[in-house]
Amino acid sequence: MRELTAQIDRGSQWANAMHAYLLRAYQATRCGPLALADQGRWLAEYEELCRQGDEEELPALVFFKKDGSTGRSKRTKVGPPMRPQPAGVTRPASSRRFSVCL
């Protein structure tokens, strides 16, 4: 959400729409998962917002792999791999990985 807020501050229309979408998705799933009948609509809206973001943002960096195929830069910060924690030890909330599943 912080990165979307930064994009919104720069005037990004898709980031504003994605921010609103994620807040609606959060509200819709607070009491339980989405109904199967609604999941297709939510997924279609998400994919449309991603498409808008791809059109609005700079194109991805393309490079050639050793086998001759092309690849795209992820443009992410790469840190050290996370080590498994001993049983009973939890990671701080800031290091937890999560994803949005629709």
Protein backbone atom coordinates (compact mmCIF):
# COMPACT_ATOMS: atom_id res chain seq x y z
CA MET A 1 0.00 0.00 0.00
CA ARG A 2 2.93 2.36 0.66
CA GLU A 3 4.24 1.95 -2.86
CA LEU A 4 0.77 2.54 -4.30
CA THR A 5 0.47 5.69 -2.16
CA ALA A 6 3.80 6.89 -3.54
CA GLN A 7 2.56 6.22 -7.09
CA ILE A 8 -0.68 8.09 -6.32
CA ASP A 9 1.36 11.06 -5.07
CA ARG A 10 3.11 11.07 -8.46
CA GLY A 11 -0.28 11.25 -10.20
CA SER A 12 -0.74 7.61 -11.19
CA GLN A 13 -4.35 6.84 -12.12
CA TRP A 14 -3.96 3.06 -12.08
CA ALA A 15 -2.35 3.13 -8.62
CA ASN A 16 -5.31 5.12 -7.31
CA ALA A 17 -7.73 2.57 -8.80
CA MET A 18 -5.66 -0.38 -7.45
CA HIS A 19 -5.56 1.18 -3.98
CA ALA A 20 -9.35 1.53 -3.97
CA TYR A 21 -9.71 -2.04 -5.30
CA LEU A 22 -7.51 -3.51 -2.56
CA LEU A 23 -9.45 -1.64 0.13
CA ARG A 24 -12.74 -2.98 -1.29
CA ALA A 25 -11.25 -6.50 -1.44
CA TYR A 26 -10.18 -6.22 2.18
CA GLN A 27 -13.65 -5.09 3.25
CA ALA A 28 -15.30 -7.85 1.20
CA THR A 29 -13.19 -10.59 2.79
CA ARG A 30 -13.16 -9.46 6.42
CA CYS A 31 -15.91 -11.91 7.38
CA GLY A 32 -14.85 -14.79 5.15
CA PRO A 33 -13.75 -15.71 1.65
CA LEU A 34 -15.44 -14.40 -1.48
CA ALA A 35 -18.32 -16.39 -2.89
CA LEU A 36 -17.33 -18.48 -5.91
CA ALA A 37 -19.78 -16.56 -8.08
CA ASP A 38 -17.97 -13.27 -7.26
CA GLN A 39 -14.38 -14.46 -7.66
CA GLY A 40 -14.41 -14.19 -11.46
CA ARG A 41 -15.53 -10.56 -11.32
CA TRP A 42 -12.86 -9.67 -8.75
CA LEU A 43 -10.16 -11.43 -10.77
CA ALA A 44 -11.22 -9.71 -14.01
CA GLU A 45 -11.09 -6.30 -12.32
CA TYR A 46 -7.65 -7.09 -10.85
CA GLU A 47 -6.27 -8.17 -14.24
CA GLU A 48 -7.67 -5.01 -15.87
CA LEU A 49 -5.97 -2.85 -13.24
CA CYS A 50 -2.69 -4.72 -13.80
CA ARG A 51 -3.03 -4.15 -17.56
CA GLN A 52 -3.60 -0.43 -16.95
CA GLY A 53 -0.52 -0.34 -14.74
CA ASP A 54 1.58 -2.03 -17.43
CA GLU A 55 0.42 0.57 -19.97
CA GLU A 56 1.01 3.53 -17.65
CA GLU A 57 4.37 2.52 -16.21
CA LEU A 58 7.73 2.32 -17.92
CA PRO A 59 8.26 -0.80 -20.03
CA ALA A 60 10.00 -3.71 -18.38
CA LEU A 61 13.71 -4.15 -18.94
CA VAL A 62 14.28 -7.01 -21.37
CA PHE A 63 17.46 -9.04 -21.44
CA PHE A 64 18.73 -12.10 -23.28
CA LYS A 65 19.43 -15.27 -21.34
CA LYS A 66 22.33 -17.63 -22.07
CA ASP A 67 20.00 -19.98 -23.97
CA GLY A 68 18.95 -17.14 -26.32
CA SER A 69 15.48 -16.63 -24.86
CA THR A 70 14.38 -13.27 -23.50
CA GLY A 71 13.57 -12.43 -19.90
CA ARG A 72 12.27 -9.48 -17.94
CA SER A 73 13.82 -7.79 -14.96
CA LYS A 74 11.68 -8.11 -11.84
CA ARG A 75 12.77 -4.67 -10.62
CA THR A 76 12.66 -5.86 -7.05
CA LYS A 77 15.12 -5.55 -4.26
CA VAL A 78 16.77 -8.87 -3.72
CA GLY A 79 17.79 -9.61 -0.17
CA PRO A 80 19.32 -12.64 1.48
CA PRO A 81 17.13 -15.75 1.47
CA MET A 82 15.05 -16.28 4.58
CA ARG A 83 16.24 -19.09 6.81
CA PRO A 84 13.74 -21.51 8.35
CA GLN A 85 12.94 -20.71 11.98
CA PRO A 86 13.08 -23.30 14.75
CA ALA A 87 9.72 -24.62 15.94
CA GLY A 88 7.95 -22.17 18.25
CA VAL A 89 9.87 -19.12 16.98
CA THR A 90 7.91 -16.62 14.93
CA ARG A 91 9.25 -13.99 12.60
CA PRO A 92 8.51 -10.30 13.21
CA ALA A 93 5.45 -9.05 11.33
CA SER A 94 7.64 -6.90 9.05
CA SER A 95 9.35 -9.97 7.59
CA ARG A 96 6.22 -12.05 6.86
CA ARG A 97 5.54 -12.70 3.23
CA PHE A 98 1.97 -12.60 1.98
CA SER A 99 -0.01 -12.54 -1.23
CA VAL A 100 -3.49 -11.53 -2.25
CA CYS A 101 -5.48 -14.51 -3.45
CA LEU A 102 -8.73 -13.92 -5.25
